[in-house]
Amino acid sequence: MAVGLTHLLVLAALLFSIGLYGALSRRNAVHVLMSLELMANAVNINLVALSRFLTPVSMDGQIFAVFSMVVSAAEIGLGLALVLAIYRSRRSVELDAVQELRG
């Protein structure tokens, strides 16, 4: 059985749903960041799948996916730096414990 566009779109929808559930239900900042990455990967799957099946000659979807991965890597670097700063000041990465950020 060949993998078609529908299979890839369903996979991306499932990954995005799992990531959304994880981002909304978790209290740990690291888990929320991982869930956001899962959602970004679902978007990348959609970009590549739609580009492959709708315009196979053009590589626009792949280029956008690579650009999205670069932005996502920068976002994770910044997010982990913020989590480390919060941990150093509060000794916890639980999002409920961080109600306001003061200098």
PDB file of N, CA and C in Angstrom:
ATOM      1  N   MET A   1       0.847  -1.178   0.000  1.00  0.00           N
ATOM      2  CA  MET A   1       0.000   0.000   0.000  1.00  0.00           C
ATOM      3  C   MET A   1       0.892   1.242   0.000  1.00  0.00           C
ATOM      4  N   ALA A   2       0.608   2.153  -0.890  1.00  0.00           N
ATOM      5  CA  ALA A   2       1.393   3.377  -0.999  1.00  0.00           C
ATOM      6  C   ALA A   2       0.883   4.425  -0.014  1.00  0.00           C
ATOM      7  N   VAL A   3       1.798   5.228   0.456  1.00  0.00           N
ATOM      8  CA  VAL A   3       1.434   6.305   1.371  1.00  0.00           C
ATOM      9  C   VAL A   3       0.981   7.495   0.540  1.00  0.00           C
ATOM     10  N   GLY A   4      -0.247   7.901   0.740  1.00  0.00           N
ATOM     11  CA  GLY A   4      -0.813   8.998  -0.038  1.00  0.00           C
ATOM     12  C   GLY A   4      -0.904  10.273   0.773  1.00  0.00           C
ATOM     13  N   LEU A   5      -1.469  11.282   0.128  1.00  0.00           N
ATOM     14  CA  LEU A   5      -1.613  12.587   0.764  1.00  0.00           C
ATOM     15  C   LEU A   5      -2.512  12.512   1.997  1.00  0.00           C
ATOM     16  N   THR A   6      -3.562  11.728   1.914  1.00  0.00           N
ATOM     17  CA  THR A   6      -4.493  11.607   3.042  1.00  0.00           C
ATOM     18  C   THR A   6      -3.795  11.031   4.268  1.00  0.00           C
ATOM     19  N   HIS A   7      -2.950  10.036   4.067  1.00  0.00           N
ATOM     20  CA  HIS A   7      -2.232   9.429   5.197  1.00  0.00           C
ATOM     21  C   HIS A   7      -1.336  10.456   5.887  1.00  0.00           C
ATOM     22  N   LEU A   8      -0.634  11.249   5.082  1.00  0.00           N
ATOM     23  CA  LEU A   8       0.271  12.237   5.666  1.00  0.00           C
ATOM     24  C   LEU A   8      -0.491  13.356   6.368  1.00  0.00           C
ATOM     25  N   LEU A   9      -1.622  13.759   5.811  1.00  0.00           N
ATOM     26  CA  LEU A   9      -2.415  14.809   6.461  1.00  0.00           C
ATOM     27  C   LEU A   9      -3.028  14.316   7.771  1.00  0.00           C
ATOM     28  N   VAL A  10      -3.443  13.053   7.800  1.00  0.00           N
ATOM     29  CA  VAL A  10      -3.975  12.488   9.047  1.00  0.00           C
ATOM     30  C   VAL A  10      -2.869  12.379  10.095  1.00  0.00           C
ATOM     31  N   LEU A  11      -1.678  11.952   9.679  1.00  0.00           N
ATOM     32  CA  LEU A  11      -0.538  11.891  10.600  1.00  0.00           C
ATOM     33  C   LEU A  11      -0.223  13.269  11.171  1.00  0.00           C
ATOM     34  N   ALA A  12      -0.197  14.283  10.308  1.00  0.00           N
ATOM     35  CA  ALA A  12       0.092  15.638  10.770  1.00  0.00           C
ATOM     36  C   ALA A  12      -0.999  16.144  11.714  1.00  0.00           C
ATOM     37  N   ALA A  13      -2.250  15.823  11.416  1.00  0.00           N
ATOM     38  CA  ALA A  13      -3.345  16.242  12.296  1.00  0.00           C
ATOM     39  C   ALA A  13      -3.240  15.578  13.664  1.00  0.00           C
ATOM     40  N   LEU A  14      -2.874  14.295  13.680  1.00  0.00           N
ATOM     41  CA  LEU A  14      -2.702  13.597  14.954  1.00  0.00           C
ATOM     42  C   LEU A  14      -1.539  14.181  15.763  1.00  0.00           C
ATOM     43  N   LEU A  15      -0.412  14.436  15.091  1.00  0.00           N
ATOM     44  CA  LEU A  15       0.733  15.027  15.789  1.00  0.00           C
ATOM     45  C   LEU A  15       0.389  16.407  16.341  1.00  0.00           C
ATOM     46  N   PHE A  16      -0.315  17.202  15.538  1.00  0.00           N
ATOM     47  CA  PHE A  16      -0.690  18.537  15.992  1.00  0.00           C
ATOM     48  C   PHE A  16      -1.651  18.450  17.185  1.00  0.00           C
ATOM     49  N   SER A  17      -2.593  17.512  17.135  1.00  0.00           N
ATOM     50  CA  SER A  17      -3.538  17.346  18.246  1.00  0.00           C
ATOM     51  C   SER A  17      -2.838  16.900  19.524  1.00  0.00           C
ATOM     52  N   ILE A  18      -1.904  15.972  19.395  1.00  0.00           N
ATOM     53  CA  ILE A  18      -1.145  15.524  20.567  1.00  0.00           C
ATOM     54  C   ILE A  18      -0.316  16.669  21.135  1.00  0.00           C
ATOM     55  N   GLY A  19       0.309  17.449  20.258  1.00  0.00           N
ATOM     56  CA  GLY A  19       1.084  18.602  20.708  1.00  0.00           C
ATOM     57  C   GLY A  19       0.224  19.659  21.373  1.00  0.00           C
ATOM     58  N   LEU A  20      -0.958  19.906  20.819  1.00  0.00           N
ATOM     59  CA  LEU A  20      -1.867  20.890  21.416  1.00  0.00           C
ATOM     60  C   LEU A  20      -2.339  20.435  22.790  1.00  0.00           C
ATOM     61  N   TYR A  21      -2.681  19.157  22.909  1.00  0.00           N
ATOM     62  CA  TYR A  21      -3.080  18.628  24.211  1.00  0.00           C
ATOM     63  C   TYR A  21      -1.934  18.747  25.220  1.00  0.00           C
ATOM     64  N   GLY A  22      -0.722  18.417  24.783  1.00  0.00           N
ATOM     65  CA  GLY A  22       0.428  18.512  25.683  1.00  0.00           C
ATOM     66  C   GLY A  22       0.721  19.941  26.104  1.00  0.00           C
ATOM     67  N   ALA A  23       0.563  20.884  25.184  1.00  0.00           N
ATOM     68  CA  ALA A  23       0.846  22.284  25.512  1.00  0.00           C
ATOM     69  C   ALA A  23      -0.196  22.857  26.468  1.00  0.00           C
ATOM     70  N   LEU A  24      -1.432  22.408  26.336  1.00  0.00           N
ATOM     71  CA  LEU A  24      -2.489  22.949  27.188  1.00  0.00           C
ATOM     72  C   LEU A  24      -2.613  22.249  28.532  1.00  0.00           C
ATOM     73  N   SER A  25      -2.174  21.005  28.620  1.00  0.00           N
ATOM     74  CA  SER A  25      -2.394  20.257  29.853  1.00  0.00           C
ATOM     75  C   SER A  25      -1.165  20.158  30.758  1.00  0.00           C
ATOM     76  N   ARG A  26      -0.008  20.421  30.259  1.00  0.00           N
ATOM     77  CA  ARG A  26       1.214  20.267  31.056  1.00  0.00           C
ATOM     78  C   ARG A  26       1.500  21.506  31.886  1.00  0.00           C
ATOM     79  N   ARG A  27       2.152  21.307  33.003  1.00  0.00           N
ATOM     80  CA  ARG A  27       2.545  22.412  33.860  1.00  0.00           C
ATOM     81  C   ARG A  27       4.046  22.649  33.818  1.00  0.00           C
ATOM     82  N   ASN A  28       4.798  21.694  33.322  1.00  0.00           N
ATOM     83  CA  ASN A  28       6.239  21.818  33.253  1.00  0.00           C
ATOM     84  C   ASN A  28       6.609  22.557  31.968  1.00  0.00           C
ATOM     85  N   ALA A  29       7.461  23.563  32.070  1.00  0.00           N
ATOM     86  CA  ALA A  29       7.813  24.393  30.923  1.00  0.00           C
ATOM     87  C   ALA A  29       8.545  23.605  29.842  1.00  0.00           C
ATOM     88  N   VAL A  30       9.353  22.631  30.224  1.00  0.00           N
ATOM     89  CA  VAL A  30      10.079  21.824  29.241  1.00  0.00           C
ATOM     90  C   VAL A  30       9.097  20.965  28.443  1.00  0.00           C
ATOM     91  N   HIS A  31       8.085  20.414  29.098  1.00  0.00           N
ATOM     92  CA  HIS A  31       7.077  19.630  28.388  1.00  0.00           C
ATOM     93  C   HIS A  31       6.287  20.505  27.421  1.00  0.00           C
ATOM     94  N   VAL A  32       6.000  21.721  27.810  1.00  0.00           N
ATOM     95  CA  VAL A  32       5.285  22.635  26.923  1.00  0.00           C
ATOM     96  C   VAL A  32       6.130  22.960  25.697  1.00  0.00           C
ATOM     97  N   LEU A  33       7.429  23.171  25.886  1.00  0.00           N
ATOM     98  CA  LEU A  33       8.308  23.427  24.747  1.00  0.00           C
ATOM     99  C   LEU A  33       8.375  22.223  23.811  1.00  0.00           C
ATOM    100  N   MET A  34       8.411  21.021  24.375  1.00  0.00           N
ATOM    101  CA  MET A  34       8.430  19.823  23.533  1.00  0.00           C
ATOM    102  C   MET A  34       7.125  19.680  22.765  1.00  0.00           C
ATOM    103  N   SER A  35       6.019  20.039  23.382  1.00  0.00           N
ATOM    104  CA  SER A  35       4.729  19.974  22.701  1.00  0.00           C
ATOM    105  C   SER A  35       4.655  20.995  21.567  1.00  0.00           C
ATOM    106  N   LEU A  36       5.222  22.162  21.776  1.00  0.00           N
ATOM    107  CA  LEU A  36       5.259  23.157  20.713  1.00  0.00           C
ATOM    108  C   LEU A  36       6.101  22.671  19.537  1.00  0.00           C
ATOM    109  N   GLU A  37       7.182  21.975  19.827  1.00  0.00           N
ATOM    110  CA  GLU A  37       8.004  21.412  18.760  1.00  0.00           C
ATOM    111  C   GLU A  37       7.250  20.331  17.991  1.00  0.00           C
ATOM    112  N   LEU A  38       6.462  19.545  18.688  1.00  0.00           N
ATOM    113  CA  LEU A  38       5.643  18.528  18.025  1.00  0.00           C
ATOM    114  C   LEU A  38       4.645  19.180  17.078  1.00  0.00           C
ATOM    115  N   MET A  39       4.063  20.286  17.508  1.00  0.00           N
ATOM    116  CA  MET A  39       3.135  21.013  16.643  1.00  0.00           C
ATOM    117  C   MET A  39       3.854  21.601  15.432  1.00  0.00           C
ATOM    118  N   ALA A  40       5.062  22.105  15.619  1.00  0.00           N
ATOM    119  CA  ALA A  40       5.833  22.651  14.503  1.00  0.00           C
ATOM    120  C   ALA A  40       6.214  21.548  13.514  1.00  0.00           C
ATOM    121  N   ASN A  41       6.520  20.359  14.013  1.00  0.00           N
ATOM    122  CA  ASN A  41       6.830  19.248  13.118  1.00  0.00           C
ATOM    123  C   ASN A  41       5.610  18.811  12.315  1.00  0.00           C
ATOM    124  N   ALA A  42       4.429  18.902  12.908  1.00  0.00           N
ATOM    125  CA  ALA A  42       3.204  18.591  12.166  1.00  0.00           C
ATOM    126  C   ALA A  42       2.999  19.580  11.023  1.00  0.00           C
ATOM    127  N   VAL A  43       3.292  20.832  11.268  1.00  0.00           N
ATOM    128  CA  VAL A  43       3.187  21.841  10.206  1.00  0.00           C
ATOM    129  C   VAL A  43       4.202  21.549   9.103  1.00  0.00           C
ATOM    130  N   ASN A  44       5.413  21.149   9.471  1.00  0.00           N
ATOM    131  CA  ASN A  44       6.424  20.813   8.466  1.00  0.00           C
ATOM    132  C   ASN A  44       6.003  19.614   7.621  1.00  0.00           C
ATOM    133  N   ILE A  45       5.371  18.626   8.237  1.00  0.00           N
ATOM    134  CA  ILE A  45       4.872  17.476   7.479  1.00  0.00           C
ATOM    135  C   ILE A  45       3.822  17.938   6.477  1.00  0.00           C
ATOM    136  N   ASN A  46       2.939  18.829   6.898  1.00  0.00           N
ATOM    137  CA  ASN A  46       1.937  19.360   5.977  1.00  0.00           C
ATOM    138  C   ASN A  46       2.580  20.112   4.823  1.00  0.00           C
ATOM    139  N   LEU A  47       3.563  20.934   5.113  1.00  0.00           N
ATOM    140  CA  LEU A  47       4.225  21.700   4.060  1.00  0.00           C
ATOM    141  C   LEU A  47       4.861  20.786   3.014  1.00  0.00           C
ATOM    142  N   VAL A  48       5.593  19.803   3.485  1.00  0.00           N
ATOM    143  CA  VAL A  48       6.293  18.907   2.562  1.00  0.00           C
ATOM    144  C   VAL A  48       5.305  18.016   1.810  1.00  0.00           C
ATOM    145  N   ALA A  49       4.292  17.509   2.486  1.00  0.00           N
ATOM    146  CA  ALA A  49       3.327  16.625   1.831  1.00  0.00           C
ATOM    147  C   ALA A  49       2.531  17.365   0.766  1.00  0.00           C
ATOM    148  N   LEU A  50       2.046  18.538   1.097  1.00  0.00           N
ATOM    149  CA  LEU A  50       1.271  19.292   0.115  1.00  0.00           C
ATOM    150  C   LEU A  50       2.132  19.723  -1.059  1.00  0.00           C
ATOM    151  N   SER A  51       3.369  20.088  -0.786  1.00  0.00           N
ATOM    152  CA  SER A  51       4.266  20.456  -1.870  1.00  0.00           C
ATOM    153  C   SER A  51       4.561  19.257  -2.768  1.00  0.00           C
ATOM    154  N   ARG A  52       4.732  18.110  -2.171  1.00  0.00           N
ATOM    155  CA  ARG A  52       5.071  16.906  -2.944  1.00  0.00           C
ATOM    156  C   ARG A  52       3.912  16.452  -3.821  1.00  0.00           C
ATOM    157  N   PHE A  53       2.688  16.499  -3.294  1.00  0.00           N
ATOM    158  CA  PHE A  53       1.556  15.955  -4.036  1.00  0.00           C
ATOM    159  C   PHE A  53       0.852  16.980  -4.916  1.00  0.00           C
ATOM    160  N   LEU A  54       0.903  18.261  -4.561  1.00  0.00           N
ATOM    161  CA  LEU A  54       0.207  19.260  -5.368  1.00  0.00           C
ATOM    162  C   LEU A  54       1.092  19.865  -6.451  1.00  0.00           C
ATOM    163  N   THR A  55       2.345  20.147  -6.124  1.00  0.00           N
ATOM    164  CA  THR A  55       3.283  20.701  -7.104  1.00  0.00           C
ATOM    165  C   THR A  55       4.590  19.930  -7.011  1.00  0.00           C
ATOM    166  N   PRO A  56       4.671  18.749  -7.639  1.00  0.00           N
ATOM    167  CA  PRO A  56       5.872  17.919  -7.482  1.00  0.00           C
ATOM    168  C   PRO A  56       7.129  18.507  -8.109  1.00  0.00           C
ATOM    169  N   VAL A  57       6.993  19.400  -9.083  1.00  0.00           N
ATOM    170  CA  VAL A  57       8.171  19.976  -9.732  1.00  0.00           C
ATOM    171  C   VAL A  57       8.798  21.051  -8.847  1.00  0.00           C
ATOM    172  N   SER A  58       7.963  21.831  -8.203  1.00  0.00           N
ATOM    173  CA  SER A  58       8.431  22.924  -7.352  1.00  0.00           C
ATOM    174  C   SER A  58       8.858  22.399  -5.983  1.00  0.00           C
ATOM    175  N   MET A  59       9.830  23.065  -5.375  1.00  0.00           N
ATOM    176  CA  MET A  59      10.289  22.667  -4.035  1.00  0.00           C
ATOM    177  C   MET A  59       9.957  23.733  -2.998  1.00  0.00           C
ATOM    178  N   ASP A  60       8.881  24.461  -3.218  1.00  0.00           N
ATOM    179  CA  ASP A  60       8.524  25.551  -2.307  1.00  0.00           C
ATOM    180  C   ASP A  60       8.221  25.046  -0.902  1.00  0.00           C
ATOM    181  N   GLY A  61       7.490  23.950  -0.782  1.00  0.00           N
ATOM    182  CA  GLY A  61       7.148  23.413   0.528  1.00  0.00           C
ATOM    183  C   GLY A  61       8.362  22.971   1.313  1.00  0.00           C
ATOM    184  N   GLN A  62       9.317  22.361   0.641  1.00  0.00           N
ATOM    185  CA  GLN A  62      10.536  21.915   1.311  1.00  0.00           C
ATOM    186  C   GLN A  62      11.359  23.113   1.781  1.00  0.00           C
ATOM    187  N   ILE A  63      11.403  24.162   0.977  1.00  0.00           N
ATOM    188  CA  ILE A  63      12.146  25.359   1.362  1.00  0.00           C
ATOM    189  C   ILE A  63      11.497  26.017   2.569  1.00  0.00           C
ATOM    190  N   PHE A  64      10.175  26.110   2.558  1.00  0.00           N
ATOM    191  CA  PHE A  64       9.484  26.672   3.718  1.00  0.00           C
ATOM    192  C   PHE A  64       9.669  25.811   4.954  1.00  0.00           C
ATOM    193  N   ALA A  65       9.701  24.492   4.785  1.00  0.00           N
ATOM    194  CA  ALA A  65       9.904  23.595   5.924  1.00  0.00           C
ATOM    195  C   ALA A  65      11.296  23.777   6.525  1.00  0.00           C
ATOM    196  N   VAL A  66      12.312  23.923   5.675  1.00  0.00           N
ATOM    197  CA  VAL A  66      13.671  24.149   6.186  1.00  0.00           C
ATOM    198  C   VAL A  66      13.741  25.490   6.912  1.00  0.00           C
ATOM    199  N   PHE A  67      13.120  26.523   6.351  1.00  0.00           N
ATOM    200  CA  PHE A  67      13.079  27.819   7.025  1.00  0.00           C
ATOM    201  C   PHE A  67      12.356  27.711   8.367  1.00  0.00           C
ATOM    202  N   SER A  68      11.274  26.949   8.400  1.00  0.00           N
ATOM    203  CA  SER A  68      10.533  26.743   9.644  1.00  0.00           C
ATOM    204  C   SER A  68      11.379  26.009  10.680  1.00  0.00           C
ATOM    205  N   MET A  69      12.195  25.043  10.242  1.00  0.00           N
ATOM    206  CA  MET A  69      13.067  24.322  11.174  1.00  0.00           C
ATOM    207  C   MET A  69      14.130  25.237  11.769  1.00  0.00           C
ATOM    208  N   VAL A  70      14.655  26.152  10.956  1.00  0.00           N
ATOM    209  CA  VAL A  70      15.659  27.100  11.456  1.00  0.00           C
ATOM    210  C   VAL A  70      15.037  28.026  12.496  1.00  0.00           C
ATOM    211  N   VAL A  71      13.856  28.543  12.201  1.00  0.00           N
ATOM    212  CA  VAL A  71      13.171  29.414  13.159  1.00  0.00           C
ATOM    213  C   VAL A  71      12.822  28.634  14.424  1.00  0.00           C
ATOM    214  N   SER A  72      12.409  27.388  14.277  1.00  0.00           N
ATOM    215  CA  SER A  72      12.060  26.557  15.424  1.00  0.00           C
ATOM    216  C   SER A  72      13.277  26.266  16.298  1.00  0.00           C
ATOM    217  N   ALA A  73      14.432  26.048  15.678  1.00  0.00           N
ATOM    218  CA  ALA A  73      15.650  25.817  16.455  1.00  0.00           C
ATOM    219  C   ALA A  73      16.031  27.058  17.254  1.00  0.00           C
ATOM    220  N   ALA A  74      15.879  28.228  16.657  1.00  0.00           N
ATOM    221  CA  ALA A  74      16.157  29.469  17.389  1.00  0.00           C
ATOM    222  C   ALA A  74      15.156  29.664  18.520  1.00  0.00           C
ATOM    223  N   GLU A  75      13.911  29.320  18.275  1.00  0.00           N
ATOM    224  CA  GLU A  75      12.876  29.443  19.308  1.00  0.00           C
ATOM    225  C   GLU A  75      13.171  28.523  20.491  1.00  0.00           C
ATOM    226  N   ILE A  76      13.597  27.304  20.209  1.00  0.00           N
ATOM    227  CA  ILE A  76      13.899  26.362  21.287  1.00  0.00           C
ATOM    228  C   ILE A  76      15.116  26.831  22.076  1.00  0.00           C
ATOM    229  N   GLY A  77      16.114  27.366  21.389  1.00  0.00           N
ATOM    230  CA  GLY A  77      17.280  27.895  22.103  1.00  0.00           C
ATOM    231  C   GLY A  77      16.900  29.013  23.050  1.00  0.00           C
ATOM    232  N   LEU A  78      16.061  29.919  22.585  1.00  0.00           N
ATOM    233  CA  LEU A  78      15.598  31.021  23.430  1.00  0.00           C
ATOM    234  C   LEU A  78      14.706  30.510  24.550  1.00  0.00           C
ATOM    235  N   GLY A  79      13.826  29.559  24.221  1.00  0.00           N
ATOM    236  CA  GLY A  79      12.925  28.999  25.235  1.00  0.00           C
ATOM    237  C   GLY A  79      13.686  28.284  26.340  1.00  0.00           C
ATOM    238  N   LEU A  80      14.690  27.501  25.986  1.00  0.00           N
ATOM    239  CA  LEU A  80      15.478  26.808  27.007  1.00  0.00           C
ATOM    240  C   LEU A  80      16.294  27.789  27.843  1.00  0.00           C
ATOM    241  N   ALA A  81      16.762  28.879  27.230  1.00  0.00           N
ATOM    242  CA  ALA A  81      17.465  29.905  27.997  1.00  0.00           C
ATOM    243  C   ALA A  81      16.525  30.548  29.016  1.00  0.00           C
ATOM    244  N   LEU A  82      15.288  30.799  28.619  1.00  0.00           N
ATOM    245  CA  LEU A  82      14.305  31.352  29.564  1.00  0.00           C
ATOM    246  C   LEU A  82      13.977  30.361  30.676  1.00  0.00           C
ATOM    247  N   VAL A  83      13.859  29.091  30.334  1.00  0.00           N
ATOM    248  CA  VAL A  83      13.578  28.073  31.350  1.00  0.00           C
ATOM    249  C   VAL A  83      14.731  27.991  32.344  1.00  0.00           C
ATOM    250  N   LEU A  84      15.966  28.051  31.871  1.00  0.00           N
ATOM    251  CA  LEU A  84      17.117  28.039  32.782  1.00  0.00           C
ATOM    252  C   LEU A  84      17.130  29.265  33.678  1.00  0.00           C
ATOM    253  N   ALA A  85      16.807  30.427  33.128  1.00  0.00           N
ATOM    254  CA  ALA A  85      16.766  31.649  33.941  1.00  0.00           C
ATOM    255  C   ALA A  85      15.673  31.563  35.001  1.00  0.00           C
ATOM    256  N   ILE A  86      14.524  31.022  34.642  1.00  0.00           N
ATOM    257  CA  ILE A  86      13.437  30.858  35.623  1.00  0.00           C
ATOM    258  C   ILE A  86      13.833  29.845  36.683  1.00  0.00           C
ATOM    259  N   TYR A  87      14.494  28.763  36.283  1.00  0.00           N
ATOM    260  CA  TYR A  87      14.914  27.751  37.251  1.00  0.00           C
ATOM    261  C   TYR A  87      15.923  28.319  38.232  1.00  0.00           C
ATOM    262  N   ARG A  88      16.850  29.136  37.733  1.00  0.00           N
ATOM    263  CA  ARG A  88      17.862  29.716  38.629  1.00  0.00           C
ATOM    264  C   ARG A  88      17.245  30.669  39.639  1.00  0.00           C
ATOM    265  N   SER A  89      16.195  31.378  39.246  1.00  0.00           N
ATOM    266  CA  SER A  89      15.602  32.337  40.181  1.00  0.00           C
ATOM    267  C   SER A  89      14.543  31.702  41.083  1.00  0.00           C
ATOM    268  N   ARG A  90      13.758  30.754  40.566  1.00  0.00           N
ATOM    269  CA  ARG A  90      12.644  30.181  41.328  1.00  0.00           C
ATOM    270  C   ARG A  90      12.888  28.760  41.825  1.00  0.00           C
ATOM    271  N   ARG A  91      13.910  28.074  41.315  1.00  0.00           N
ATOM    272  CA  ARG A  91      14.219  26.688  41.637  1.00  0.00           C
ATOM    273  C   ARG A  91      13.084  25.732  41.237  1.00  0.00           C
ATOM    274  N   SER A  92      12.334  26.121  40.211  1.00  0.00           N
ATOM    275  CA  SER A  92      11.258  25.288  39.703  1.00  0.00           C
ATOM    276  C   SER A  92      10.973  25.702  38.258  1.00  0.00           C
ATOM    277  N   VAL A  93      10.579  24.737  37.441  1.00  0.00           N
ATOM    278  CA  VAL A  93      10.173  25.058  36.082  1.00  0.00           C
ATOM    279  C   VAL A  93       8.680  24.818  35.884  1.00  0.00           C
ATOM    280  N   GLU A  94       7.961  24.689  36.988  1.00  0.00           N
ATOM    281  CA  GLU A  94       6.510  24.559  36.915  1.00  0.00           C
ATOM    282  C   GLU A  94       5.910  25.905  36.532  1.00  0.00           C
ATOM    283  N   LEU A  95       5.019  25.899  35.538  1.00  0.00           N
ATOM    284  CA  LEU A  95       4.462  27.155  35.045  1.00  0.00           C
ATOM    285  C   LEU A  95       3.514  27.799  36.040  1.00  0.00           C
ATOM    286  N   ASP A  96       2.892  26.999  36.914  1.00  0.00           N
ATOM    287  CA  ASP A  96       2.001  27.569  37.926  1.00  0.00           C
ATOM    288  C   ASP A  96       2.778  28.359  38.985  1.00  0.00           C
ATOM    289  N   ALA A  97       4.030  27.980  39.235  1.00  0.00           N
ATOM    290  CA  ALA A  97       4.823  28.663  40.240  1.00  0.00           C
ATOM    291  C   ALA A  97       5.330  30.016  39.744  1.00  0.00           C
ATOM    292  N   VAL A  98       5.368  30.192  38.449  1.00  0.00           N
ATOM    293  CA  VAL A  98       5.852  31.440  37.862  1.00  0.00           C
ATOM    294  C   VAL A  98       4.643  32.278  37.461  1.00  0.00           C
ATOM    295  N   GLN A  99       4.239  33.170  38.350  1.00  0.00           N
ATOM    296  CA  GLN A  99       3.068  33.999  38.053  1.00  0.00           C
ATOM    297  C   GLN A  99       3.467  35.340  37.463  1.00  0.00           C
ATOM    298  N   GLU A 100       4.580  35.853  37.874  1.00  0.00           N
ATOM    299  CA  GLU A 100       5.049  37.112  37.303  1.00  0.00           C
ATOM    300  C   GLU A 100       6.567  37.094  37.260  1.00  0.00           C
ATOM    301  N   LEU A 101       7.106  37.706  36.233  1.00  0.00           N
ATOM    302  CA  LEU A 101       8.545  37.756  36.071  1.00  0.00           C
ATOM    303  C   LEU A 101       9.040  39.130  36.521  1.00  0.00           C
ATOM    304  N   ARG A 102       9.873  39.139  37.527  1.00  0.00           N
ATOM    305  CA  ARG A 102      10.451  40.384  38.016  1.00  0.00           C
ATOM    306  C   ARG A 102      11.953  40.321  37.879  1.00  0.00           C
ATOM    307  N   GLY A 103      12.571  41.474  37.738  1.00  0.00           N
ATOM    308  CA  GLY A 103      14.024  41.541  37.558  1.00  0.00           C
ATOM    309  C   GLY A 103      14.798  41.413  38.802  1.00  0.00           C
TER     310      GLY A 103
END
